[in-house]
Amino acid sequence: MKSASSRSAKPPSAKRKSTSMKSKTDWARLKADKPAGSTEHPEADVRRIVRGVVRKGLEPLPSKASISLRVDQDVLEWFKAQGPGYQTRINSVLRAFRDASV
């Protein structure tokens, strides 16, 4: 015989009621789909996502070396004026020159 203080002898406790009366979550705003690259999340640029998907399954990119390179100011300004990624574009131009020289 089990005593009245044992766990199995106690009646199951009733579920506790929520302390909040109404959800404060703005469900309509959360359900609204925002396109990638929106002003709210500018880092979610579609081009970066696509580049990652296209690279999947290909050979890994070669590692890069950090160097100090001196270029004319007008050349650097021109590359920067093309938008973000100017260092990658400089690398692409140098790679194209290397490939054309072979």
N, C-alpha and C. Protein backbone atom coordinates (compact mmCIF):
# COMPACT_ATOMS: atom_id res chain seq x y z
N MET A 1 0.84 -1.18 0.00
CA MET A 1 0.00 0.00 0.00
C MET A 1 0.88 1.24 0.00
N LYS A 2 0.53 2.22 -0.81
CA LYS A 2 1.34 3.42 -0.93
C LYS A 2 0.83 4.48 0.03
N SER A 3 1.76 5.24 0.54
CA SER A 3 1.35 6.30 1.46
C SER A 3 0.76 7.47 0.68
N ALA A 4 0.04 8.32 1.35
CA ALA A 4 -0.62 9.46 0.71
C ALA A 4 0.39 10.47 0.20
N SER A 5 1.61 10.44 0.69
CA SER A 5 2.61 11.41 0.26
C SER A 5 3.44 10.94 -0.93
N SER A 6 3.25 9.72 -1.37
CA SER A 6 4.03 9.24 -2.51
C SER A 6 3.55 9.91 -3.80
N ARG A 7 4.39 9.93 -4.80
CA ARG A 7 4.08 10.61 -6.06
C ARG A 7 2.89 9.99 -6.77
N SER A 8 2.85 8.69 -6.81
CA SER A 8 1.78 8.04 -7.55
C SER A 8 0.43 8.19 -6.86
N ALA A 9 0.42 8.51 -5.58
CA ALA A 9 -0.84 8.67 -4.85
C ALA A 9 -1.43 10.06 -5.03
N LYS A 10 -0.62 11.03 -5.44
CA LYS A 10 -1.11 12.40 -5.61
C LYS A 10 -1.92 12.52 -6.90
N PRO A 11 -2.98 13.28 -6.87
CA PRO A 11 -3.75 13.49 -8.11
C PRO A 11 -2.92 14.32 -9.10
N PRO A 12 -3.11 14.10 -10.39
CA PRO A 12 -2.34 14.90 -11.36
C PRO A 12 -2.68 16.37 -11.19
N SER A 13 -1.64 17.19 -11.27
CA SER A 13 -1.87 18.63 -11.09
C SER A 13 -2.53 19.21 -12.34
N ALA A 14 -3.33 20.21 -12.14
CA ALA A 14 -4.01 20.88 -13.26
C ALA A 14 -3.00 21.71 -14.03
N LYS A 15 -3.23 21.86 -15.32
CA LYS A 15 -2.32 22.67 -16.13
C LYS A 15 -2.37 24.11 -15.67
N ARG A 16 -1.21 24.72 -15.66
CA ARG A 16 -1.14 26.13 -15.28
C ARG A 16 -1.63 26.99 -16.42
N LYS A 17 -2.33 28.00 -16.10
CA LYS A 17 -2.82 28.93 -17.11
C LYS A 17 -1.73 29.94 -17.43
N SER A 18 -1.71 30.41 -18.65
CA SER A 18 -0.74 31.40 -19.07
C SER A 18 -0.95 32.69 -18.29
N THR A 19 0.14 33.35 -17.95
CA THR A 19 0.03 34.60 -17.21
C THR A 19 -0.28 35.77 -18.13
N SER A 20 0.03 35.64 -19.42
CA SER A 20 -0.27 36.74 -20.34
C SER A 20 -1.67 36.56 -20.90
N MET A 21 -2.34 37.63 -21.09
CA MET A 21 -3.72 37.57 -21.56
C MET A 21 -3.78 37.54 -23.09
N LYS A 22 -2.93 38.29 -23.75
CA LYS A 22 -2.97 38.38 -25.20
C LYS A 22 -1.55 38.43 -25.73
N SER A 23 -1.32 37.76 -26.84
CA SER A 23 0.00 37.77 -27.46
C SER A 23 0.31 39.17 -27.97
N LYS A 24 1.53 39.60 -27.75
CA LYS A 24 1.97 40.91 -28.23
C LYS A 24 2.74 40.81 -29.55
N THR A 25 2.76 39.61 -30.12
CA THR A 25 3.47 39.39 -31.38
C THR A 25 2.66 39.95 -32.53
N ASP A 26 3.32 40.67 -33.39
CA ASP A 26 2.68 41.23 -34.59
C ASP A 26 2.77 40.18 -35.69
N TRP A 27 1.81 39.25 -35.70
CA TRP A 27 1.84 38.13 -36.63
C TRP A 27 1.72 38.59 -38.08
N ALA A 28 0.95 39.63 -38.34
CA ALA A 28 0.79 40.11 -39.71
C ALA A 28 2.13 40.58 -40.28
N ARG A 29 2.91 41.26 -39.46
CA ARG A 29 4.22 41.74 -39.92
C ARG A 29 5.17 40.57 -40.14
N LEU A 30 5.11 39.57 -39.27
CA LEU A 30 6.00 38.42 -39.42
C LEU A 30 5.65 37.57 -40.63
N LYS A 31 4.36 37.49 -40.96
CA LYS A 31 3.94 36.68 -42.10
C LYS A 31 4.22 37.36 -43.43
N ALA A 32 4.38 38.69 -43.42
CA ALA A 32 4.66 39.42 -44.66
C ALA A 32 6.06 39.05 -45.13
N ASP A 33 6.16 38.54 -46.33
CA ASP A 33 7.46 38.14 -46.88
C ASP A 33 8.22 39.37 -47.33
N LYS A 34 9.46 39.47 -46.90
CA LYS A 34 10.35 40.55 -47.33
C LYS A 34 11.30 39.97 -48.37
N PRO A 35 11.48 40.64 -49.50
CA PRO A 35 12.43 40.12 -50.48
C PRO A 35 13.86 40.23 -49.97
N ALA A 36 14.72 39.32 -50.43
CA ALA A 36 16.13 39.35 -50.05
C ALA A 36 16.74 40.66 -50.53
N GLY A 37 17.61 41.22 -49.71
CA GLY A 37 18.25 42.48 -50.08
C GLY A 37 17.38 43.68 -49.77
N SER A 38 16.40 43.50 -48.89
CA SER A 38 15.53 44.62 -48.55
C SER A 38 16.31 45.63 -47.73
N THR A 39 15.74 46.80 -47.54
CA THR A 39 16.43 47.82 -46.76
C THR A 39 16.55 47.40 -45.31
N GLU A 40 15.67 46.48 -44.87
CA GLU A 40 15.76 46.01 -43.50
C GLU A 40 16.95 45.08 -43.32
N HIS A 41 17.29 44.30 -44.35
CA HIS A 41 18.41 43.37 -44.30
C HIS A 41 19.27 43.53 -45.56
N PRO A 42 20.06 44.61 -45.65
CA PRO A 42 20.84 44.82 -46.87
C PRO A 42 21.92 43.78 -47.09
N GLU A 43 22.36 43.08 -46.02
CA GLU A 43 23.41 42.09 -46.19
C GLU A 43 22.92 40.84 -46.92
N ALA A 44 21.61 40.66 -47.03
CA ALA A 44 21.05 39.51 -47.73
C ALA A 44 20.95 39.84 -49.22
N ASP A 45 22.07 40.09 -49.83
CA ASP A 45 22.13 40.46 -51.24
C ASP A 45 21.97 39.21 -52.10
N VAL A 46 21.07 39.24 -53.05
CA VAL A 46 20.77 38.08 -53.88
C VAL A 46 22.01 37.63 -54.65
N ARG A 47 22.81 38.57 -55.11
CA ARG A 47 24.01 38.19 -55.87
C ARG A 47 24.96 37.35 -55.02
N ARG A 48 25.11 37.67 -53.74
CA ARG A 48 25.99 36.90 -52.87
C ARG A 48 25.44 35.50 -52.64
N ILE A 49 24.13 35.40 -52.50
CA ILE A 49 23.51 34.09 -52.28
C ILE A 49 23.67 33.23 -53.53
N VAL A 50 23.41 33.81 -54.70
CA VAL A 50 23.52 33.06 -55.95
C VAL A 50 24.96 32.62 -56.18
N ARG A 51 25.91 33.49 -55.89
CA ARG A 51 27.32 33.13 -56.07
C ARG A 51 27.68 31.92 -55.21
N GLY A 52 27.15 31.86 -53.97
CA GLY A 52 27.40 30.72 -53.10
C GLY A 52 26.78 29.45 -53.64
N VAL A 53 25.59 29.56 -54.22
CA VAL A 53 24.91 28.39 -54.78
C VAL A 53 25.65 27.91 -56.03
N VAL A 54 26.08 28.82 -56.88
CA VAL A 54 26.78 28.45 -58.11
C VAL A 54 28.10 27.77 -57.78
N ARG A 55 28.79 28.21 -56.73
CA ARG A 55 30.08 27.63 -56.36
C ARG A 55 29.93 26.23 -55.78
N LYS A 56 28.76 25.86 -55.30
CA LYS A 56 28.58 24.55 -54.67
C LYS A 56 28.90 23.44 -55.67
N GLY A 57 29.71 22.52 -55.27
CA GLY A 57 30.07 21.40 -56.13
C GLY A 57 31.30 21.67 -56.98
N LEU A 58 31.77 22.89 -57.05
CA LEU A 58 32.97 23.21 -57.82
C LEU A 58 34.19 23.05 -56.93
N GLU A 59 35.34 23.09 -57.55
CA GLU A 59 36.58 23.01 -56.78
C GLU A 59 36.68 24.23 -55.88
N PRO A 60 37.31 24.08 -54.71
CA PRO A 60 37.45 25.21 -53.80
C PRO A 60 38.26 26.33 -54.44
N LEU A 61 37.95 27.54 -54.08
CA LEU A 61 38.71 28.69 -54.57
C LEU A 61 40.11 28.65 -53.96
N PRO A 62 41.11 29.09 -54.73
CA PRO A 62 42.46 29.11 -54.16
C PRO A 62 42.54 30.12 -53.03
N SER A 63 43.41 29.84 -52.07
CA SER A 63 43.56 30.76 -50.95
C SER A 63 44.18 32.06 -51.45
N LYS A 64 43.94 33.12 -50.72
CA LYS A 64 44.46 34.43 -51.12
C LYS A 64 45.54 34.86 -50.16
N ALA A 65 46.46 35.65 -50.67
CA ALA A 65 47.54 36.19 -49.86
C ALA A 65 47.29 37.67 -49.63
N SER A 66 47.55 38.11 -48.43
CA SER A 66 47.39 39.52 -48.11
C SER A 66 48.70 40.23 -48.45
N ILE A 67 48.59 41.26 -49.31
CA ILE A 67 49.77 42.02 -49.72
C ILE A 67 49.49 43.51 -49.60
N SER A 68 50.53 44.27 -49.70
CA SER A 68 50.40 45.72 -49.77
C SER A 68 50.76 46.10 -51.19
N LEU A 69 49.84 46.76 -51.88
CA LEU A 69 50.03 47.09 -53.29
C LEU A 69 49.85 48.58 -53.48
N ARG A 70 50.78 49.21 -54.14
CA ARG A 70 50.68 50.64 -54.40
C ARG A 70 50.22 50.85 -55.83
N VAL A 71 49.08 51.53 -55.99
CA VAL A 71 48.55 51.84 -57.32
C VAL A 71 48.28 53.33 -57.38
N ASP A 72 48.18 53.85 -58.60
CA ASP A 72 47.87 55.26 -58.77
C ASP A 72 46.51 55.58 -58.16
N GLN A 73 46.40 56.76 -57.60
CA GLN A 73 45.17 57.17 -56.92
C GLN A 73 43.96 57.15 -57.86
N ASP A 74 44.15 57.61 -59.10
CA ASP A 74 43.02 57.65 -60.04
C ASP A 74 42.54 56.24 -60.41
N VAL A 75 43.47 55.28 -60.47
CA VAL A 75 43.10 53.90 -60.78
C VAL A 75 42.28 53.32 -59.62
N LEU A 76 42.75 53.55 -58.40
CA LEU A 76 42.03 53.06 -57.23
C LEU A 76 40.65 53.69 -57.14
N GLU A 77 40.55 54.99 -57.37
CA GLU A 77 39.25 55.67 -57.33
C GLU A 77 38.30 55.12 -58.39
N TRP A 78 38.82 54.78 -59.56
CA TRP A 78 37.98 54.23 -60.61
C TRP A 78 37.41 52.87 -60.18
N PHE A 79 38.26 52.01 -59.63
CA PHE A 79 37.77 50.71 -59.17
C PHE A 79 36.74 50.87 -58.05
N LYS A 80 37.00 51.77 -57.10
CA LYS A 80 36.06 51.99 -56.00
C LYS A 80 34.74 52.57 -56.49
N ALA A 81 34.79 53.39 -57.54
CA ALA A 81 33.58 54.00 -58.08
C ALA A 81 32.65 52.97 -58.72
N GLN A 82 33.18 51.79 -59.05
CA GLN A 82 32.36 50.73 -59.65
C GLN A 82 31.46 50.07 -58.62
N GLY A 83 31.66 50.36 -57.33
CA GLY A 83 30.82 49.79 -56.28
C GLY A 83 31.60 48.84 -55.39
N PRO A 84 30.88 48.22 -54.45
CA PRO A 84 31.55 47.30 -53.53
C PRO A 84 32.23 46.15 -54.27
N GLY A 85 33.30 45.64 -53.69
CA GLY A 85 34.02 44.52 -54.29
C GLY A 85 35.16 44.96 -55.20
N TYR A 86 35.67 46.16 -54.98
CA TYR A 86 36.72 46.66 -55.89
C TYR A 86 37.98 45.81 -55.82
N GLN A 87 38.29 45.26 -54.64
CA GLN A 87 39.50 44.43 -54.53
C GLN A 87 39.33 43.13 -55.32
N THR A 88 38.14 42.58 -55.32
CA THR A 88 37.87 41.38 -56.10
C THR A 88 37.99 41.68 -57.59
N ARG A 89 37.51 42.85 -58.00
CA ARG A 89 37.62 43.23 -59.42
C ARG A 89 39.08 43.44 -59.81
N ILE A 90 39.86 44.05 -58.95
CA ILE A 90 41.29 44.23 -59.23
C ILE A 90 41.94 42.84 -59.41
N ASN A 91 41.59 41.91 -58.53
CA ASN A 91 42.12 40.55 -58.63
C ASN A 91 41.72 39.91 -59.95
N SER A 92 40.46 40.11 -60.37
CA SER A 92 39.99 39.54 -61.65
C SER A 92 40.74 40.11 -62.83
N VAL A 93 41.01 41.42 -62.80
CA VAL A 93 41.76 42.05 -63.89
C VAL A 93 43.18 41.49 -63.94
N LEU A 94 43.80 41.34 -62.78
CA LEU A 94 45.15 40.79 -62.75
C LEU A 94 45.17 39.33 -63.23
N ARG A 95 44.14 38.55 -62.86
CA ARG A 95 44.05 37.16 -63.31
C ARG A 95 43.87 37.10 -64.82
N ALA A 96 43.02 37.98 -65.38
CA ALA A 96 42.79 38.01 -66.83
C ALA A 96 44.09 38.37 -67.55
N PHE A 97 44.84 39.31 -67.01
CA PHE A 97 46.12 39.70 -67.62
C PHE A 97 47.09 38.50 -67.59
N ARG A 98 47.11 37.80 -66.46
CA ARG A 98 47.98 36.62 -66.35
C ARG A 98 47.59 35.56 -67.38
N ASP A 99 46.29 35.28 -67.49
CA ASP A 99 45.82 34.27 -68.43
C ASP A 99 46.08 34.67 -69.88
N ALA A 100 45.98 35.97 -70.18
CA ALA A 100 46.21 36.44 -71.55
C ALA A 100 47.69 36.42 -71.89
N SER A 101 48.55 36.47 -70.89
CA SER A 101 50.00 36.51 -71.12
C SER A 101 50.60 35.14 -71.36
N VAL A 102 49.88 34.11 -71.12
CA VAL A 102 50.44 32.76 -71.22
C VAL A 102 50.48 32.30 -72.65
